[in-house]
PDB file of N, CA and C in Angstrom:
ATOM      1  N   MET A   1     -85.757  84.119  48.484  1.00  0.00           N
ATOM      2  CA  MET A   1     -84.942  83.421  47.526  1.00  0.00           C
ATOM      3  C   MET A   1     -85.809  82.494  46.684  1.00  0.00           C
ATOM      4  N   LYS A   2     -85.447  82.404  45.436  1.00  0.00           N
ATOM      5  CA  LYS A   2     -86.153  81.497  44.537  1.00  0.00           C
ATOM      6  C   LYS A   2     -85.612  80.089  44.717  1.00  0.00           C
ATOM      7  N   PRO A   3     -86.500  79.106  44.707  1.00  0.00           N
ATOM      8  CA  PRO A   3     -86.005  77.734  44.783  1.00  0.00           C
ATOM      9  C   PRO A   3     -85.274  77.374  43.497  1.00  0.00           C
ATOM     10  N   LEU A   4     -84.268  76.577  43.637  1.00  0.00           N
ATOM     11  CA  LEU A   4     -83.499  76.148  42.472  1.00  0.00           C
ATOM     12  C   LEU A   4     -84.309  75.151  41.654  1.00  0.00           C
ATOM     13  N   ARG A   5     -84.309  75.337  40.367  1.00  0.00           N
ATOM     14  CA  ARG A   5     -84.995  74.401  39.474  1.00  0.00           C
ATOM     15  C   ARG A   5     -83.961  73.514  38.834  1.00  0.00           C
ATOM     16  N   ARG A   6     -84.196  72.254  38.945  1.00  0.00           N
ATOM     17  CA  ARG A   6     -83.297  71.327  38.273  1.00  0.00           C
ATOM     18  C   ARG A   6     -83.765  71.155  36.836  1.00  0.00           C
ATOM     19  N   SER A   7     -82.838  71.192  35.956  1.00  0.00           N
ATOM     20  CA  SER A   7     -83.217  70.958  34.569  1.00  0.00           C
ATOM     21  C   SER A   7     -83.199  69.450  34.325  1.00  0.00           C
ATOM     22  N   VAL A   8     -84.280  68.998  33.771  1.00  0.00           N
ATOM     23  CA  VAL A   8     -84.400  67.576  33.467  1.00  0.00           C
ATOM     24  C   VAL A   8     -83.892  67.366  32.057  1.00  0.00           C
ATOM     25  N   PRO A   9     -82.918  66.485  31.895  1.00  0.00           N
ATOM     26  CA  PRO A   9     -82.404  66.281  30.537  1.00  0.00           C
ATOM     27  C   PRO A   9     -83.488  65.668  29.659  1.00  0.00           C
ATOM     28  N   GLU A  10     -83.610  66.207  28.454  1.00  0.00           N
ATOM     29  CA  GLU A  10     -84.630  65.672  27.558  1.00  0.00           C
ATOM     30  C   GLU A  10     -84.130  64.377  26.930  1.00  0.00           C
ATOM     31  N   SER A  11     -85.062  63.504  26.681  1.00  0.00           N
ATOM     32  CA  SER A  11     -84.696  62.215  26.099  1.00  0.00           C
ATOM     33  C   SER A  11     -84.364  62.395  24.622  1.00  0.00           C
ATOM     34  N   ASP A  12     -83.732  61.383  24.048  1.00  0.00           N
ATOM     35  CA  ASP A  12     -83.405  61.424  22.625  1.00  0.00           C
ATOM     36  C   ASP A  12     -84.668  61.540  21.785  1.00  0.00           C
ATOM     37  N   ALA A  13     -85.723  60.828  22.176  1.00  0.00           N
ATOM     38  CA  ALA A  13     -86.977  60.866  21.421  1.00  0.00           C
ATOM     39  C   ALA A  13     -87.570  62.274  21.428  1.00  0.00           C
ATOM     40  N   GLU A  14     -87.521  62.942  22.581  1.00  0.00           N
ATOM     41  CA  GLU A  14     -88.039  64.308  22.664  1.00  0.00           C
ATOM     42  C   GLU A  14     -87.214  65.254  21.807  1.00  0.00           C
ATOM     43  N   ARG A  15     -85.912  65.068  21.831  1.00  0.00           N
ATOM     44  CA  ARG A  15     -85.020  65.919  21.052  1.00  0.00           C
ATOM     45  C   ARG A  15     -85.261  65.724  19.563  1.00  0.00           C
ATOM     46  N   VAL A  16     -85.397  64.481  19.132  1.00  0.00           N
ATOM     47  CA  VAL A  16     -85.648  64.190  17.715  1.00  0.00           C
ATOM     48  C   VAL A  16     -87.004  64.731  17.306  1.00  0.00           C
ATOM     49  N   SER A  17     -88.003  64.529  18.143  1.00  0.00           N
ATOM     50  CA  SER A  17     -89.346  65.023  17.850  1.00  0.00           C
ATOM     51  C   SER A  17     -89.349  66.535  17.717  1.00  0.00           C
ATOM     52  N   ARG A  18     -88.675  67.198  18.636  1.00  0.00           N
ATOM     53  CA  ARG A  18     -88.622  68.657  18.604  1.00  0.00           C
ATOM     54  C   ARG A  18     -87.883  69.142  17.363  1.00  0.00           C
ATOM     55  N   SER A  19     -86.753  68.507  17.037  1.00  0.00           N
ATOM     56  CA  SER A  19     -85.980  68.963  15.884  1.00  0.00           C
ATOM     57  C   SER A  19     -86.719  68.684  14.581  1.00  0.00           C
ATOM     58  N   SER A  20     -87.454  67.563  14.494  1.00  0.00           N
ATOM     59  CA  SER A  20     -88.192  67.295  13.255  1.00  0.00           C
ATOM     60  C   SER A  20     -89.367  68.240  13.117  1.00  0.00           C
ATOM     61  N   SER A  21     -90.005  68.604  14.228  1.00  0.00           N
ATOM     62  CA  SER A  21     -91.114  69.558  14.134  1.00  0.00           C
ATOM     63  C   SER A  21     -90.588  70.949  13.806  1.00  0.00           C
ATOM     64  N   ASP A  22     -89.401  71.299  14.293  1.00  0.00           N
ATOM     65  CA  ASP A  22     -88.798  72.578  13.939  1.00  0.00           C
ATOM     66  C   ASP A  22     -88.507  72.634  12.444  1.00  0.00           C
ATOM     67  N   ARG A  23     -87.950  71.534  11.902  1.00  0.00           N
ATOM     68  CA  ARG A  23     -87.675  71.486  10.468  1.00  0.00           C
ATOM     69  C   ARG A  23     -88.967  71.560   9.675  1.00  0.00           C
ATOM     70  N   LEU A  24     -89.993  70.888  10.153  1.00  0.00           N
ATOM     71  CA  LEU A  24     -91.279  70.876   9.468  1.00  0.00           C
ATOM     72  C   LEU A  24     -91.876  72.269   9.421  1.00  0.00           C
ATOM     73  N   ASN A  25     -91.755  73.028  10.504  1.00  0.00           N
ATOM     74  CA  ASN A  25     -92.330  74.365  10.566  1.00  0.00           C
ATOM     75  C   ASN A  25     -91.550  75.387   9.756  1.00  0.00           C
ATOM     76  N   ASN A  26     -90.257  75.183   9.576  1.00  0.00           N
ATOM     77  CA  ASN A  26     -89.423  76.188   8.929  1.00  0.00           C
ATOM     78  C   ASN A  26     -89.159  75.917   7.458  1.00  0.00           C
ATOM     79  N   SER A  27     -89.376  74.707   6.990  1.00  0.00           N
ATOM     80  CA  SER A  27     -88.989  74.339   5.639  1.00  0.00           C
ATOM     81  C   SER A  27     -90.096  74.628   4.635  1.00  0.00           C
ATOM     82  N   MET A  28     -89.709  75.104   3.463  1.00  0.00           N
ATOM     83  CA  MET A  28     -90.665  75.322   2.381  1.00  0.00           C
ATOM     84  C   MET A  28     -90.792  74.067   1.524  1.00  0.00           C
ATOM     85  N   VAL A  29     -89.778  73.192   1.570  1.00  0.00           N
ATOM     86  CA  VAL A  29     -89.791  71.951   0.807  1.00  0.00           C
ATOM     87  C   VAL A  29     -89.749  70.787   1.789  1.00  0.00           C
ATOM     88  N   LEU A  30     -90.682  69.847   1.609  1.00  0.00           N
ATOM     89  CA  LEU A  30     -90.812  68.725   2.524  1.00  0.00           C
ATOM     90  C   LEU A  30     -90.546  67.418   1.795  1.00  0.00           C
ATOM     91  N   ASP A  31     -90.000  66.443   2.513  1.00  0.00           N
ATOM     92  CA  ASP A  31     -89.879  65.112   1.929  1.00  0.00           C
ATOM     93  C   ASP A  31     -91.183  64.353   2.189  1.00  0.00           C
ATOM     94  N   LEU A  32     -91.231  63.111   1.764  1.00  0.00           N
ATOM     95  CA  LEU A  32     -92.462  62.329   1.868  1.00  0.00           C
ATOM     96  C   LEU A  32     -92.929  62.191   3.322  1.00  0.00           C
ATOM     97  N   LYS A  33     -92.008  61.873   4.216  1.00  0.00           N
ATOM     98  CA  LYS A  33     -92.365  61.692   5.626  1.00  0.00           C
ATOM     99  C   LYS A  33     -92.863  62.992   6.241  1.00  0.00           C
ATOM    100  N   GLN A  34     -92.169  64.087   5.977  1.00  0.00           N
ATOM    101  CA  GLN A  34     -92.567  65.383   6.530  1.00  0.00           C
ATOM    102  C   GLN A  34     -93.927  65.816   5.994  1.00  0.00           C
ATOM    103  N   THR A  35     -94.169  65.565   4.705  1.00  0.00           N
ATOM    104  CA  THR A  35     -95.457  65.935   4.110  1.00  0.00           C
ATOM    105  C   THR A  35     -96.581  65.121   4.733  1.00  0.00           C
ATOM    106  N   ALA A  36     -96.337  63.821   4.937  1.00  0.00           N
ATOM    107  CA  ALA A  36     -97.357  62.978   5.570  1.00  0.00           C
ATOM    108  C   ALA A  36     -97.668  63.483   6.978  1.00  0.00           C
ATOM    109  N   GLU A  37     -96.649  63.858   7.728  1.00  0.00           N
ATOM    110  CA  GLU A  37     -96.860  64.415   9.070  1.00  0.00           C
ATOM    111  C   GLU A  37     -97.631  65.726   8.989  1.00  0.00           C
ATOM    112  N   TYR A  38     -97.266  66.570   8.047  1.00  0.00           N
ATOM    113  CA  TYR A  38     -97.910  67.877   7.874  1.00  0.00           C
ATOM    114  C   TYR A  38     -99.398  67.710   7.534  1.00  0.00           C
ATOM    115  N   LEU A  39     -99.705  66.758   6.644  1.00  0.00           N
ATOM    116  CA  LEU A  39    -101.093  66.525   6.235  1.00  0.00           C
ATOM    117  C   LEU A  39    -101.839  65.587   7.177  1.00  0.00           C
ATOM    118  N   ARG A  40    -101.099  64.991   8.108  1.00  0.00           N
ATOM    119  CA  ARG A  40    -101.661  64.043   9.080  1.00  0.00           C
ATOM    120  C   ARG A  40    -102.305  62.834   8.411  1.00  0.00           C
ATOM    121  N   ILE A  41    -101.553  62.287   7.441  1.00  0.00           N
ATOM    122  CA  ILE A  41    -101.943  61.040   6.792  1.00  0.00           C
ATOM    123  C   ILE A  41    -100.726  60.123   6.792  1.00  0.00           C
ATOM    124  N   SER A  42    -100.929  58.850   6.512  1.00  0.00           N
ATOM    125  CA  SER A  42     -99.799  57.928   6.527  1.00  0.00           C
ATOM    126  C   SER A  42     -98.928  58.114   5.282  1.00  0.00           C
ATOM    127  N   ARG A  43     -97.686  57.693   5.380  1.00  0.00           N
ATOM    128  CA  ARG A  43     -96.778  57.757   4.224  1.00  0.00           C
ATOM    129  C   ARG A  43     -97.283  56.886   3.096  1.00  0.00           C
ATOM    130  N   ALA A  44     -97.847  55.734   3.439  1.00  0.00           N
ATOM    131  CA  ALA A  44     -98.367  54.820   2.412  1.00  0.00           C
ATOM    132  C   ALA A  44     -99.507  55.485   1.645  1.00  0.00           C
ATOM    133  N   HIS A  45    -100.424  56.129   2.369  1.00  0.00           N
ATOM    134  CA  HIS A  45    -101.543  56.793   1.704  1.00  0.00           C
ATOM    135  C   HIS A  45    -101.038  57.944   0.837  1.00  0.00           C
ATOM    136  N   LEU A  46    -100.083  58.701   1.339  1.00  0.00           N
ATOM    137  CA  LEU A  46     -99.518  59.804   0.568  1.00  0.00           C
ATOM    138  C   LEU A  46     -98.875  59.286  -0.714  1.00  0.00           C
ATOM    139  N   SER A  47     -98.144  58.192  -0.629  1.00  0.00           N
ATOM    140  CA  SER A  47     -97.535  57.594  -1.828  1.00  0.00           C
ATOM    141  C   SER A  47     -98.606  57.192  -2.832  1.00  0.00           C
ATOM    142  N   ASN A  48     -99.688  56.608  -2.336  1.00  0.00           N
ATOM    143  CA  ASN A  48    -100.779  56.215  -3.223  1.00  0.00           C
ATOM    144  C   ASN A  48    -101.436  57.427  -3.873  1.00  0.00           C
ATOM    145  N   VAL A  49    -101.597  58.510  -3.134  1.00  0.00           N
ATOM    146  CA  VAL A  49    -102.174  59.742  -3.689  1.00  0.00           C
ATOM    147  C   VAL A  49    -101.265  60.291  -4.778  1.00  0.00           C
ATOM    148  N   ILE A  50     -99.971  60.340  -4.519  1.00  0.00           N
ATOM    149  CA  ILE A  50     -99.009  60.869  -5.496  1.00  0.00           C
ATOM    150  C   ILE A  50     -99.015  60.031  -6.767  1.00  0.00           C
ATOM    151  N   ASN A  51     -99.167  58.723  -6.629  1.00  0.00           N
ATOM    152  CA  ASN A  51     -99.117  57.807  -7.774  1.00  0.00           C
ATOM    153  C   ASN A  51    -100.493  57.528  -8.394  1.00  0.00           C
ATOM    154  N   HIS A  52    -101.479  58.388  -8.119  1.00  0.00           N
ATOM    155  CA  HIS A  52    -102.823  58.313  -8.721  1.00  0.00           C
ATOM    156  C   HIS A  52    -103.538  57.006  -8.389  1.00  0.00           C
ATOM    157  N   ARG A  53    -103.342  56.453  -7.220  1.00  0.00           N
ATOM    158  CA  ARG A  53    -103.946  55.173  -6.860  1.00  0.00           C
ATOM    159  C   ARG A  53    -105.150  55.300  -5.940  1.00  0.00           C
ATOM    160  N   VAL A  54    -105.550  56.517  -5.611  1.00  0.00           N
ATOM    161  CA  VAL A  54    -106.690  56.704  -4.713  1.00  0.00           C
ATOM    162  C   VAL A  54    -107.825  57.326  -5.535  1.00  0.00           C
ATOM    163  N   ARG A  55    -108.848  56.536  -5.764  1.00  0.00           N
ATOM    164  CA  ARG A  55    -109.976  56.971  -6.579  1.00  0.00           C
ATOM    165  C   ARG A  55    -110.707  58.126  -5.900  1.00  0.00           C
ATOM    166  N   GLY A  56    -111.029  59.147  -6.693  1.00  0.00           N
ATOM    167  CA  GLY A  56    -111.778  60.287  -6.177  1.00  0.00           C
ATOM    168  C   GLY A  56    -110.941  61.320  -5.450  1.00  0.00           C
ATOM    169  N   VAL A  57    -109.621  61.105  -5.395  1.00  0.00           N
ATOM    170  CA  VAL A  57    -108.729  62.049  -4.722  1.00  0.00           C
ATOM    171  C   VAL A  57    -107.734  62.561  -5.759  1.00  0.00           C
ATOM    172  N   PRO A  58    -107.624  63.885  -5.922  1.00  0.00           N
ATOM    173  CA  PRO A  58    -106.688  64.416  -6.911  1.00  0.00           C
ATOM    174  C   PRO A  58    -105.248  64.091  -6.514  1.00  0.00           C
ATOM    175  N   PRO A  59    -104.383  63.825  -7.500  1.00  0.00           N
ATOM    176  CA  PRO A  59    -102.979  63.544  -7.173  1.00  0.00           C
ATOM    177  C   PRO A  59    -102.280  64.785  -6.633  1.00  0.00           C
ATOM    178  N   LEU A  60    -101.313  64.559  -5.779  1.00  0.00           N
ATOM    179  CA  LEU A  60    -100.537  65.647  -5.187  1.00  0.00           C
ATOM    180  C   LEU A  60     -99.322  65.920  -6.068  1.00  0.00           C
ATOM    181  N   ARG A  61     -99.114  67.175  -6.386  1.00  0.00           N
ATOM    182  CA  ARG A  61     -97.962  67.583  -7.188  1.00  0.00           C
ATOM    183  C   ARG A  61     -96.684  67.351  -6.397  1.00  0.00           C
ATOM    184  N   CYS A  62     -95.654  66.849  -7.070  1.00  0.00           N
ATOM    185  CA  CYS A  62     -94.376  66.607  -6.390  1.00  0.00           C
ATOM    186  C   CYS A  62     -93.237  66.731  -7.389  1.00  0.00           C
ATOM    187  N   ALA A  63     -92.023  66.796  -6.872  1.00  0.00           N
ATOM    188  CA  ALA A  63     -90.810  66.807  -7.687  1.00  0.00           C
ATOM    189  C   ALA A  63     -90.029  65.553  -7.329  1.00  0.00           C
ATOM    190  N   ARG A  64     -89.661  64.784  -8.336  1.00  0.00           N
ATOM    191  CA  ARG A  64     -88.872  63.574  -8.106  1.00  0.00           C
ATOM    192  C   ARG A  64     -87.427  63.862  -8.503  1.00  0.00           C
ATOM    193  N   ILE A  65     -86.537  63.644  -7.558  1.00  0.00           N
ATOM    194  CA  ILE A  65     -85.111  63.820  -7.791  1.00  0.00           C
ATOM    195  C   ILE A  65     -84.466  62.483  -7.463  1.00  0.00           C
ATOM    196  N   GLY A  66     -84.187  61.730  -8.504  1.00  0.00           N
ATOM    197  CA  GLY A  66     -83.741  60.360  -8.288  1.00  0.00           C
ATOM    198  C   GLY A  66     -84.880  59.584  -7.651  1.00  0.00           C
ATOM    199  N   ARG A  67     -84.602  58.936  -6.545  1.00  0.00           N
ATOM    200  CA  ARG A  67     -85.645  58.206  -5.814  1.00  0.00           C
ATOM    201  C   ARG A  67     -86.347  59.067  -4.782  1.00  0.00           C
ATOM    202  N   ARG A  68     -85.860  60.268  -4.616  1.00  0.00           N
ATOM    203  CA  ARG A  68     -86.398  61.162  -3.593  1.00  0.00           C
ATOM    204  C   ARG A  68     -87.623  61.912  -4.118  1.00  0.00           C
ATOM    205  N   ILE A  69     -88.642  62.014  -3.273  1.00  0.00           N
ATOM    206  CA  ILE A  69     -89.855  62.746  -3.618  1.00  0.00           C
ATOM    207  C   ILE A  69     -89.930  63.972  -2.718  1.00  0.00           C
ATOM    208  N   LEU A  70     -89.988  65.153  -3.340  1.00  0.00           N
ATOM    209  CA  LEU A  70     -90.050  66.407  -2.596  1.00  0.00           C
ATOM    210  C   LEU A  70     -91.338  67.138  -2.939  1.00  0.00           C
ATOM    211  N   ILE A  71     -91.935  67.751  -1.941  1.00  0.00           N
ATOM    212  CA  ILE A  71     -93.197  68.454  -2.103  1.00  0.00           C
ATOM    213  C   ILE A  71     -93.069  69.831  -1.458  1.00  0.00           C
ATOM    214  N   LYS A  72     -93.395  70.851  -2.221  1.00  0.00           N
ATOM    215  CA  LYS A  72     -93.415  72.193  -1.644  1.00  0.00           C
ATOM    216  C   LYS A  72     -94.618  72.288  -0.713  1.00  0.00           C
ATOM    217  N   ARG A  73     -94.445  72.963   0.398  1.00  0.00           N
ATOM    218  CA  ARG A  73     -95.542  73.141   1.359  1.00  0.00           C
ATOM    219  C   ARG A  73     -96.746  73.788   0.664  1.00  0.00           C
ATOM    220  N   GLU A  74     -96.479  74.715  -0.227  1.00  0.00           N
ATOM    221  CA  GLU A  74     -97.531  75.398  -0.982  1.00  0.00           C
ATOM    222  C   GLU A  74     -98.364  74.391  -1.791  1.00  0.00           C
ATOM    223  N   TRP A  75     -97.698  73.385  -2.405  1.00  0.00           N
ATOM    224  CA  TRP A  75     -98.416  72.366  -3.178  1.00  0.00           C
ATOM    225  C   TRP A  75     -99.293  71.518  -2.270  1.00  0.00           C
ATOM    226  N   ALA A  76     -98.783  71.203  -1.089  1.00  0.00           N
ATOM    227  CA  ALA A  76     -99.560  70.401  -0.133  1.00  0.00           C
ATOM    228  C   ALA A  76    -100.798  71.173   0.320  1.00  0.00           C
ATOM    229  N   ASP A  77    -100.637  72.474   0.561  1.00  0.00           N
ATOM    230  CA  ASP A  77    -101.770  73.303   0.973  1.00  0.00           C
ATOM    231  C   ASP A  77    -102.818  73.386  -0.142  1.00  0.00           C
ATOM    232  N   GLU A  78    -102.356  73.563  -1.395  1.00  0.00           N
ATOM    233  CA  GLU A  78    -103.278  73.618  -2.531  1.00  0.00           C
ATOM    234  C   GLU A  78    -104.012  72.291  -2.694  1.00  0.00           C
ATOM    235  N   TRP A  79    -103.279  71.183  -2.550  1.00  0.00           N
ATOM    236  CA  TRP A  79    -103.896  69.865  -2.690  1.00  0.00           C
ATOM    237  C   TRP A  79    -104.972  69.663  -1.625  1.00  0.00           C
ATOM    238  N   LEU A  80    -104.670  70.064  -0.414  1.00  0.00           N
ATOM    239  CA  LEU A  80    -105.624  69.909   0.682  1.00  0.00           C
ATOM    240  C   LEU A  80    -106.898  70.710   0.408  1.00  0.00           C
ATOM    241  N   GLU A  81    -106.732  71.923  -0.097  1.00  0.00           N
ATOM    242  CA  GLU A  81    -107.903  72.741  -0.438  1.00  0.00           C
ATOM    243  C   GLU A  81    -108.708  72.087  -1.555  1.00  0.00           C
ATOM    244  N   ASN A  82    -108.036  71.636  -2.610  1.00  0.00           N
ATOM    245  CA  ASN A  82    -108.724  71.013  -3.745  1.00  0.00           C
ATOM    246  C   ASN A  82    -109.420  69.722  -3.339  1.00  0.00           C
ATOM    247  N   ALA A  83    -108.753  68.905  -2.551  1.00  0.00           N
ATOM    248  CA  ALA A  83    -109.343  67.640  -2.106  1.00  0.00           C
ATOM    249  C   ALA A  83    -110.563  67.919  -1.237  1.00  0.00           C
ATOM    250  N   GLY A  84    -110.497  68.938  -0.408  1.00  0.00           N
ATOM    251  CA  GLY A  84    -111.629  69.305   0.435  1.00  0.00           C
ATOM    252  C   GLY A  84    -112.799  69.821  -0.376  1.00  0.00           C
ATOM    253  N   GLN A  85    -112.521  70.588  -1.413  1.00  0.00           N
ATOM    254  CA  GLN A  85    -113.577  71.116  -2.279  1.00  0.00           C
ATOM    255  C   GLN A  85    -114.253  69.991  -3.063  1.00  0.00           C
ATOM    256  N   GLU A  86    -113.454  69.037  -3.562  1.00  0.00           N
ATOM    257  CA  GLU A  86    -114.017  67.928  -4.325  1.00  0.00           C
ATOM    258  C   GLU A  86    -114.895  67.045  -3.442  1.00  0.00           C
ATOM    259  N   SER A  87    -114.456  66.799  -2.200  1.00  0.00           N
ATOM    260  CA  SER A  87    -115.261  65.953  -1.333  1.00  0.00           C
ATOM    261  C   SER A  87    -116.543  66.660  -0.924  1.00  0.00           C
ATOM    262  N   ALA A  88    -116.504  68.002  -0.831  1.00  0.00           N
ATOM    263  CA  ALA A  88    -117.705  68.762  -0.491  1.00  0.00           C
ATOM    264  C   ALA A  88    -118.714  68.721  -1.629  1.00  0.00           C
ATOM    265  N   THR A  89    -118.227  68.771  -2.860  1.00  0.00           N
ATOM    266  CA  THR A  89    -119.148  68.741  -4.001  1.00  0.00           C
ATOM    267  C   THR A  89    -119.704  67.346  -4.227  1.00  0.00           C
ATOM    268  N   ASN A  90    -118.984  66.321  -3.788  1.00  0.00           N
ATOM    269  CA  ASN A  90    -119.462  64.945  -3.927  1.00  0.00           C
ATOM    270  C   ASN A  90    -120.338  64.524  -2.751  1.00  0.00           C
ATOM    271  N   GLY A  91    -120.480  65.382  -1.759  1.00  0.00           N
ATOM    272  CA  GLY A  91    -121.321  65.073  -0.612  1.00  0.00           C
ATOM    273  C   GLY A  91    -120.668  64.172   0.409  1.00  0.00           C
ATOM    274  N   SER A  92    -119.346  64.125   0.430  1.00  0.00           N
ATOM    275  CA  SER A  92    -118.642  63.254   1.363  1.00  0.00           C
ATOM    276  C   SER A  92    -118.524  63.842   2.754  1.00  0.00           C
ATOM    277  N   ILE A  93    -118.663  65.134   2.869  1.00  0.00           N
ATOM    278  CA  ILE A  93    -118.462  65.772   4.179  1.00  0.00           C
ATOM    279  C   ILE A  93    -119.741  65.792   4.954  1.00  0.00           C
TER     280      ILE A  93
END
């Protein structure tokens, strides 16, 4: 006989973390927080990049709908490639 496994209820934090990562993996359009998580940078830094406030870093393309800032995953990937290429040519890497 197999021993019975008790299911441990997941905490609210685990559930929220799992659901936000699921949304992040499945969505083609990301909000500011999701994009920052995807790029592994802070929201503040991402806002500065979008608003052309970071010297030597190309601005990230975005769509503004009212106060909301939306970024296509494709744009984030392109920005990451371009930023990496620019830093390589400047000798930063």
